[in-house]
């Protein structure tokens, strides 16, 4: 059935027709909620609540503008949640002495939630640095910037979605752009390295960790690279600081790295040798931001059970001879 027929059936109470009506928009709506909220769990809750509201509001909907209507509902639900919850951040985003009780940690986002036909632009739009920078905007500024510059709605459409004026939309967009420019996180930017370069870097990075070769790891970093491990607040900047940290802690242990796909970036599931299990057990998810052929940032999410969201196992057996 086409959209008009599905809409008629849904209005008549056909829940399956409603599911088919909105199904093609779910992946992009979920990604939008994630950008707004910085949490995949909050995003899933916001999307579910938005679809319930859309189902209840079907009698007021007129055919022909389903996508902007769904985005209006989802965006306004996210704006309500932003008012109720602490902003999300990464450790490196916090200023000295920032009260940790007033912040929640940004969460990684599985690329597979974007759907099999995601474009390079869609993957870039969930990059950690961009999503972290968005959290420094007010809720309305986030909404305006995302609806205009990521999703491509016109100023008039955004004004209608947010219940404001075109002038207010344009003003909010200017302020949002200025804030992101100050954090060097505006949408777009230089193109990522070629796939062959990323693949080669990934292989060298994983091999260096598994060999506990600190010199090889540090050689792959930019001079001012950062390394953080939420939910731990500590973080490190620069090759020397990262090197000292790795030698003092992580590289005293045995590791195995498994390729992953997170936030449109190079990522690994990391596994720490466990004598009791005689296997490499889940430790966390490392998401890497690249600057050309080097690593500019590593965010290691030390979250139990995170492997399930990224289609990874909870452990790996020892390799022969190891």
Protein backbone atom coordinates (compact mmCIF):
# COMPACT_ATOMS: atom_id res chain seq x y z
CA UNK A 1 0.00 0.00 0.00
CA UNK A 2 1.11 3.57 -0.61
CA UNK A 3 1.35 6.14 2.18
CA UNK A 4 -2.21 7.41 1.71
CA UNK A 5 -3.65 3.89 2.00
CA UNK A 6 -1.47 3.07 4.99
CA UNK A 7 -2.53 6.31 6.68
CA UNK A 8 -6.20 5.51 6.13
CA UNK A 9 -5.74 2.02 7.54
CA UNK A 10 -3.78 3.34 10.53
CA UNK A 11 -6.48 5.91 11.27
CA UNK A 12 -8.96 3.04 11.26
CA UNK A 13 -6.96 1.41 14.06
CA UNK A 14 -4.60 -0.85 12.09
CA UNK A 15 -1.42 -0.88 14.21
CA UNK A 16 0.45 -2.91 11.58
CA UNK A 17 -0.31 -0.25 8.96
CA UNK A 18 1.00 2.41 11.33
CA UNK A 19 4.18 0.42 11.85
CA UNK A 20 4.69 0.22 8.11
CA UNK A 21 3.86 3.91 7.74
CA UNK A 22 6.58 5.04 10.13
CA UNK A 23 8.98 2.12 9.70
CA UNK A 24 11.10 3.77 7.02
CA UNK A 25 11.71 6.76 9.31
CA UNK A 26 12.67 4.91 12.51
CA UNK A 27 16.44 4.71 11.94
CA UNK A 28 16.89 8.38 11.11
CA UNK A 29 14.54 9.47 13.91
CA UNK A 30 16.52 7.39 16.41
CA UNK A 31 19.78 8.96 15.24
CA UNK A 32 18.20 12.42 15.56
CA UNK A 33 17.13 11.70 19.14
CA UNK A 34 20.65 10.46 19.89
CA UNK A 35 22.21 13.68 18.59
CA UNK A 36 19.79 15.70 20.67
CA UNK A 37 20.26 13.70 23.88
CA UNK A 38 23.74 12.15 23.68
CA UNK A 39 22.44 8.78 24.90
CA UNK A 40 21.27 5.85 22.83
CA UNK A 41 19.10 4.65 25.71
CA UNK A 42 17.42 8.04 26.15
CA UNK A 43 17.06 8.22 22.37
CA UNK A 44 15.27 4.88 22.24
CA UNK A 45 12.91 5.98 25.01
CA UNK A 46 12.25 9.31 23.29
CA UNK A 47 11.54 7.61 19.97
CA UNK A 48 9.16 5.09 21.52
CA UNK A 49 7.26 7.84 23.33
CA UNK A 50 7.18 9.92 20.14
CA UNK A 51 5.68 7.07 18.12
CA UNK A 52 3.04 6.51 20.79
CA UNK A 53 2.16 10.21 20.58
CA UNK A 54 2.09 10.04 16.80
CA UNK A 55 -0.29 7.06 16.92
CA UNK A 56 -2.62 8.95 19.25
CA UNK A 57 -2.43 12.13 17.16
CA UNK A 58 -3.15 10.49 13.79
CA UNK A 59 -6.64 12.01 13.53
CA UNK A 60 -5.02 15.48 13.45
CA UNK A 61 -2.45 14.57 10.80
CA UNK A 62 -3.03 15.40 7.15
CA UNK A 63 -1.40 13.33 4.41
CA UNK A 64 1.61 14.69 2.55
CA UNK A 65 4.03 15.78 5.26
CA UNK A 66 4.68 12.70 7.38
CA UNK A 67 8.45 13.17 7.84
CA UNK A 68 8.37 16.76 9.19
CA UNK A 69 5.39 15.84 11.37
CA UNK A 70 7.28 12.93 12.94
CA UNK A 71 10.34 15.12 13.46
CA UNK A 72 8.21 17.77 15.15
CA UNK A 73 6.92 15.21 17.65
CA UNK A 74 10.34 13.62 18.26
CA UNK A 75 12.19 16.93 18.56
CA UNK A 76 9.72 18.36 21.04
CA UNK A 77 9.89 15.20 23.12
CA UNK A 78 13.70 15.51 23.19
CA UNK A 79 13.45 19.17 24.20
CA UNK A 80 11.32 18.18 27.19
CA UNK A 81 13.86 15.55 28.23
CA UNK A 82 16.74 18.02 27.89
CA UNK A 83 15.01 20.30 30.40
CA UNK A 84 14.66 17.43 32.87
CA UNK A 85 18.09 15.78 32.70
CA UNK A 86 21.75 16.63 33.14
CA UNK A 87 23.69 17.36 29.99
CA UNK A 88 25.90 14.65 28.54
CA UNK A 89 29.65 15.09 28.23
CA UNK A 90 33.00 13.37 27.77
CA UNK A 91 35.70 13.72 30.44
CA UNK A 92 37.83 15.97 28.21
CA UNK A 93 34.87 18.38 27.85
CA UNK A 94 34.76 19.16 31.57
CA UNK A 95 36.55 22.15 32.99
CA UNK A 96 38.80 21.92 36.08
CA UNK A 97 36.79 21.27 39.21
CA UNK A 98 33.54 20.65 37.32
CA UNK A 99 31.02 18.97 39.67
CA UNK A 100 30.55 15.40 38.44
CA UNK A 101 27.12 15.25 40.08
CA UNK A 102 25.82 17.66 37.42
CA UNK A 103 26.93 15.68 34.36
CA UNK A 104 26.08 12.37 32.75
CA UNK A 105 28.44 10.66 30.34
CA UNK A 106 27.93 10.68 26.61
CA UNK A 107 27.17 7.21 25.23
CA UNK A 108 28.48 5.61 22.02
CA UNK A 109 26.13 4.83 19.15
CA UNK A 110 26.19 1.60 17.09
CA UNK A 111 26.57 2.29 13.37
CA UNK A 112 24.19 -0.57 12.61
CA UNK A 113 21.34 1.46 14.14
CA UNK A 114 21.65 3.79 11.14
CA UNK A 115 20.50 1.01 8.82
CA UNK A 116 22.32 -0.78 6.00
CA UNK A 117 22.08 2.10 3.53
CA UNK A 118 23.53 4.85 5.74
CA UNK A 119 25.56 7.44 3.86
CA UNK A 120 28.96 8.83 4.81
CA UNK A 121 27.22 12.08 5.81
CA UNK A 122 24.85 10.22 8.14
CA UNK A 123 27.75 8.40 9.80
CA UNK A 124 29.65 11.67 10.18
CA UNK A 125 26.62 13.28 11.81
CA UNK A 126 26.86 10.90 14.80
CA UNK A 127 30.60 11.46 15.35
CA UNK A 128 31.46 11.67 19.04
CA UNK A 129 33.11 15.08 18.83
CA UNK A 130 30.09 16.55 17.04
CA UNK A 131 27.53 15.01 19.41
CA UNK A 132 29.60 16.08 22.44
CA UNK A 133 29.77 19.64 21.11
CA UNK A 134 26.00 19.69 20.58
CA UNK A 135 25.53 19.14 24.31
CA UNK A 136 26.99 22.64 24.90
CA UNK A 137 24.07 24.19 23.00
CA UNK A 138 20.69 24.95 24.51
CA UNK A 139 17.97 22.52 23.57
CA UNK A 140 16.36 24.86 21.00
CA UNK A 141 19.76 25.63 19.46
CA UNK A 142 20.49 21.91 19.08
CA UNK A 143 17.11 21.40 17.46
CA UNK A 144 17.51 24.29 15.02
CA UNK A 145 21.01 23.29 13.96
CA UNK A 146 20.16 19.63 13.49
CA UNK A 147 16.89 20.21 11.69
CA UNK A 148 18.42 22.81 9.36
CA UNK A 149 21.98 21.62 8.71
CA UNK A 150 21.88 17.87 9.26
CA UNK A 151 18.34 17.03 8.15
CA UNK A 152 17.90 19.75 5.55
CA UNK A 153 14.56 21.26 6.58
CA UNK A 154 13.92 24.84 5.52
CA UNK A 155 13.80 27.67 8.05
CA UNK A 156 10.04 27.89 7.57
CA UNK A 157 9.62 24.15 8.19
CA UNK A 158 11.74 24.33 11.34
CA UNK A 159 9.79 27.31 12.61
CA UNK A 160 6.57 25.33 12.16
CA UNK A 161 8.05 22.27 13.88
CA UNK A 162 9.22 24.26 16.89
CA UNK A 163 6.30 26.66 17.10
CA UNK A 164 8.45 29.75 16.59
CA UNK A 165 9.33 32.28 13.88
CA UNK A 166 11.73 32.11 10.95
CA UNK A 167 13.68 35.02 12.47
CA UNK A 168 14.09 33.07 15.72
CA UNK A 169 15.24 30.00 13.79
CA UNK A 170 17.85 31.97 11.88
CA UNK A 171 19.09 33.69 15.04
CA UNK A 172 19.33 30.39 16.91
CA UNK A 173 21.20 28.83 14.00
CA UNK A 174 23.78 31.63 13.99
CA UNK A 175 24.41 31.23 17.72
CA UNK A 176 24.68 27.45 17.39
CA UNK A 177 27.15 27.73 14.52
CA UNK A 178 29.30 30.15 16.50
CA UNK A 179 29.42 27.81 19.50
CA UNK A 180 30.35 24.79 17.38
CA UNK A 181 32.96 26.76 15.47
CA UNK A 182 34.57 27.70 18.79
CA UNK A 183 34.75 24.01 19.67
CA UNK A 184 35.94 23.06 16.16
CA UNK A 185 33.00 20.75 15.73
CA UNK A 186 30.89 22.31 12.99
CA UNK A 187 29.17 19.84 10.61
CA UNK A 188 31.24 18.91 7.60
CA UNK A 189 34.97 19.46 7.91
CA UNK A 190 37.85 17.69 6.17
CA UNK A 191 37.12 14.31 4.56
CA UNK A 192 38.12 11.20 6.51
CA UNK A 193 41.16 9.18 5.44
CA UNK A 194 40.75 6.65 2.65
CA UNK A 195 39.39 3.25 3.64
CA UNK A 196 42.77 1.62 2.93
CA UNK A 197 44.47 4.07 5.29
CA UNK A 198 41.92 3.41 8.04
CA UNK A 199 42.25 -0.35 7.61
CA UNK A 200 46.03 -0.19 7.79
CA UNK A 201 45.94 2.07 10.85
CA UNK A 202 43.41 -0.21 12.57
CA UNK A 203 45.63 -3.23 12.06
CA UNK A 204 48.72 -1.46 13.40
CA UNK A 205 46.85 -0.03 16.40
CA UNK A 206 45.34 -3.37 17.46
CA UNK A 207 48.63 -5.20 16.93
CA UNK A 208 50.51 -2.63 19.03
CA UNK A 209 48.10 -3.06 21.94
CA UNK A 210 48.15 -6.84 21.75
CA UNK A 211 51.96 -6.75 21.74
CA UNK A 212 52.02 -4.21 24.62
CA UNK A 213 54.24 -2.04 22.42
CA UNK A 214 53.86 1.43 23.93
CA UNK A 215 56.21 3.03 21.40
CA UNK A 216 54.12 1.72 18.51
CA UNK A 217 50.90 2.92 20.13
CA UNK A 218 52.23 6.39 20.86
CA UNK A 219 53.70 6.71 17.36
CA UNK A 220 50.18 6.40 15.97
CA UNK A 221 48.89 9.34 18.04
CA UNK A 222 48.89 13.00 17.13
CA UNK A 223 51.05 15.26 19.31
CA UNK A 224 48.03 16.55 21.28
CA UNK A 225 45.94 13.37 21.27
CA UNK A 226 43.51 12.85 24.15
CA UNK A 227 42.65 9.63 25.97
CA UNK A 228 39.65 9.24 28.29
CA UNK A 229 37.72 6.40 29.91
CA UNK A 230 34.16 7.29 30.96
CA UNK A 231 32.79 6.75 33.58
CA UNK A 232 36.23 7.56 35.03
CA UNK A 233 36.69 11.35 35.07
CA UNK A 234 40.47 11.26 34.49
CA UNK A 235 41.78 11.96 31.02
CA UNK A 236 45.15 12.57 29.39
CA UNK A 237 46.41 14.90 26.67
CA UNK A 238 49.58 14.59 24.61
CA UNK A 239 51.82 11.69 23.73
CA UNK A 240 53.94 11.89 26.89
CA UNK A 241 50.94 11.86 29.25
CA UNK A 242 49.23 9.03 27.39
CA UNK A 243 52.46 7.03 27.32
CA UNK A 244 52.96 7.40 31.07
CA UNK A 245 49.36 6.35 31.76
CA UNK A 246 49.57 3.28 29.51
CA UNK A 247 52.80 2.06 31.08
CA UNK A 248 51.48 2.61 34.61
CA UNK A 249 48.26 0.69 34.08
CA UNK A 250 46.74 -0.81 30.93
CA UNK A 251 49.91 -2.23 29.36
CA UNK A 252 50.67 -4.27 32.46
CA UNK A 253 47.92 -6.59 31.23
CA UNK A 254 47.23 -8.72 28.15
CA UNK A 255 44.72 -7.44 25.61
CA UNK A 256 42.80 -8.51 22.56
CA UNK A 257 41.09 -6.04 20.23
CA UNK A 258 38.09 -6.80 18.01
CA UNK A 259 36.94 -4.43 15.21
CA UNK A 260 33.66 -2.61 15.90
CA UNK A 261 31.52 0.09 14.29
CA UNK A 262 30.58 3.06 16.46
CA UNK A 263 29.68 6.70 15.79
CA UNK A 264 30.83 6.40 12.19
CA UNK A 265 34.40 6.09 13.51
CA UNK A 266 37.13 3.50 13.85
CA UNK A 267 36.33 1.45 16.96
CA UNK A 268 37.33 -1.68 18.83
CA UNK A 269 35.83 -3.93 21.42
CA UNK A 270 38.61 -4.38 23.98
CA UNK A 271 39.14 -7.59 25.94
CA UNK A 272 41.32 -8.09 29.02
CA UNK A 273 42.87 -11.45 29.89
CA UNK A 274 41.06 -13.13 32.80
CA UNK A 275 42.96 -15.97 34.49
CA UNK A 276 39.83 -17.33 36.18
CA UNK A 277 37.98 -17.60 32.87
CA UNK A 278 41.08 -18.54 30.89
CA UNK A 279 39.83 -16.13 28.23
CA UNK A 280 39.87 -12.50 27.16
CA UNK A 281 36.86 -10.91 28.89
CA UNK A 282 34.98 -7.79 27.81
CA UNK A 283 36.57 -4.58 29.09
CA UNK A 284 35.12 -1.76 27.01
CA UNK A 285 34.59 -0.08 23.67
CA UNK A 286 37.31 2.17 22.27
CA UNK A 287 36.14 4.80 19.77
CA UNK A 288 38.93 6.55 17.86
CA UNK A 289 38.83 9.93 16.13
CA UNK A 290 41.35 10.22 13.33
CA UNK A 291 43.26 13.22 12.08
CA UNK A 292 44.67 12.09 8.77
CA UNK A 293 46.73 8.90 9.31
CA UNK A 294 46.96 9.34 13.10
CA UNK A 295 44.69 9.01 16.12
CA UNK A 296 43.61 12.34 17.62
CA UNK A 297 41.33 11.01 20.36
CA UNK A 298 40.56 7.73 22.09
CA UNK A 299 37.41 7.42 24.18
CA UNK A 300 37.32 4.10 25.98
CA UNK A 301 33.81 3.42 27.27
CA UNK A 302 34.23 1.12 30.28
CA UNK A 303 30.63 -0.07 30.34
CA UNK A 304 29.52 -3.56 31.34
CA UNK A 305 27.34 -5.28 28.77
CA UNK A 306 28.00 -2.72 26.06
CA UNK A 307 29.14 -5.52 23.73
CA UNK A 308 25.52 -6.54 23.16
CA UNK A 309 24.65 -3.22 21.51
CA UNK A 310 27.55 -3.59 19.08
CA UNK A 311 27.11 -7.24 18.15
CA UNK A 312 30.28 -8.34 19.93
CA UNK A 313 30.89 -11.40 22.14
CA UNK A 314 31.47 -11.14 25.88
CA UNK A 315 34.78 -12.99 25.66
CA UNK A 316 37.39 -14.45 23.31
CA UNK A 317 39.35 -17.65 23.91
CA UNK A 318 43.13 -17.54 24.12
CA UNK A 319 44.90 -17.78 20.80
CA UNK A 320 47.05 -20.91 20.27
CA UNK A 321 50.38 -20.45 21.98
CA UNK A 322 49.22 -17.48 24.07
